C-alpha cells in the first residue's frame, strides 16, 4: 500500500517550509555581547545589565544554553524605539 501526499500533507514539504520560515526570522547573523558592546560603543557589563532589565528597557537577546546572542537588527530597532521615549 502506498501513501500519496498532496503538497500540503507531505511531511518533507512541511519540514522544508518550517526551515524556510525560521531562515527568514534569522536573516541576519547572531552576535555575542562583545560585538554588541563594540557596535554600541559601551562596556560589555552595560550590555549584560540591559539584558537583565524588565519591560521596554530590556535589550532583545536570545539564550543558547548559557550563552547570550543578539540580532544586530533587533538591537538597533530597540535602540531607536528607546530613543523616542
Protein backbone atom coordinates (compact mmCIF):
# COMPACT_ATOMS: atom_id res chain seq x y z
CA UNK A 1 0.00 0.00 0.00
CA UNK A 2 1.44 3.37 -0.97
CA UNK A 3 0.56 6.64 0.69
CA UNK A 4 0.04 9.61 -1.55
CA UNK A 5 0.51 13.08 -0.11
CA UNK A 6 -0.51 16.32 -1.69
CA UNK A 7 1.91 19.23 -1.16
CA UNK A 8 0.09 20.41 1.97
CA UNK A 9 0.32 16.98 3.62
CA UNK A 10 3.80 15.91 2.51
CA UNK A 11 5.95 15.78 5.68
CA UNK A 12 9.09 16.67 3.73
CA UNK A 13 7.42 19.78 2.30
CA UNK A 14 6.21 20.82 5.77
CA UNK A 15 9.74 20.38 7.20
CA UNK A 16 11.23 22.41 4.33
CA UNK A 17 8.62 25.14 4.81
CA UNK A 18 9.38 25.38 8.53
CA UNK A 19 13.11 25.68 7.79
CA UNK A 20 12.45 28.44 5.30
CA UNK A 21 10.30 30.38 7.78
CA UNK A 22 12.96 30.12 10.51
CA UNK A 23 15.60 31.25 7.99
CA UNK A 24 13.51 34.35 7.32
CA UNK A 25 13.34 35.08 11.06
CA UNK A 26 17.13 34.95 11.35
CA UNK A 27 18.16 36.59 8.13
CA UNK A 28 20.98 38.39 9.91
CA UNK A 29 23.75 36.77 11.90
CA UNK A 30 23.61 36.41 15.64
CA UNK A 31 26.46 38.05 17.55
CA UNK A 32 27.73 37.90 21.10
CA UNK A 33 27.82 40.52 23.86
CA UNK A 34 31.30 41.75 22.88
CA UNK A 35 30.20 42.55 19.32
CA UNK A 36 27.09 44.37 20.56
CA UNK A 37 29.17 46.36 23.04
CA UNK A 38 31.57 47.32 20.27
CA UNK A 39 28.68 48.27 17.95
CA UNK A 40 27.07 50.50 20.60
CA UNK A 41 30.43 51.74 21.96
CA UNK A 42 29.59 50.74 25.54
CA UNK A 43 31.23 48.38 28.06
CA UNK A 44 30.27 44.70 27.93
CA UNK A 45 28.96 45.00 31.50
CA UNK A 46 26.42 47.56 30.24
CA UNK A 47 25.14 45.05 27.66
CA UNK A 48 24.75 42.31 30.30
CA UNK A 49 22.98 44.72 32.64
CA UNK A 50 20.48 45.70 29.89
CA UNK A 51 19.60 42.04 29.31
CA UNK A 52 18.57 41.70 32.98
CA UNK A 53 16.16 44.65 32.94
CA UNK A 54 12.40 44.28 32.60
CA UNK A 55 9.97 45.84 30.17
CA UNK A 56 10.93 48.17 27.35
CA UNK A 57 14.38 48.79 28.87
CA UNK A 58 15.35 45.15 28.29
CA UNK A 59 17.68 44.64 25.35
CA UNK A 60 16.39 41.92 22.99
CA UNK A 61 18.51 38.78 23.16
CA UNK A 62 18.46 35.00 22.85
CA UNK A 63 19.83 32.47 25.28
CA UNK A 64 21.53 29.48 23.72
CA UNK A 65 22.24 27.43 26.79
CA UNK A 66 24.36 29.70 28.95
CA UNK A 67 25.37 31.95 26.06
CA UNK A 68 23.70 35.24 25.10
CA UNK A 69 23.25 36.02 21.43
CA UNK A 70 21.86 39.13 19.80
CA UNK A 71 20.38 40.05 16.44
CA UNK A 72 22.02 43.29 15.33
CA UNK A 73 18.82 44.35 13.56
CA UNK A 74 16.65 43.80 16.66
CA UNK A 75 19.12 45.62 18.93
CA UNK A 76 19.26 48.62 16.60
CA UNK A 77 15.43 48.67 16.38
CA UNK A 78 15.28 48.52 20.20
CA UNK A 79 17.75 51.40 20.43
CA UNK A 80 15.71 53.57 18.03
CA UNK A 81 12.47 52.82 19.92
CA UNK A 82 14.05 53.65 23.29
CA UNK A 83 15.42 56.94 21.92
CA UNK A 84 11.87 58.05 21.07
CA UNK A 85 10.69 57.64 24.67
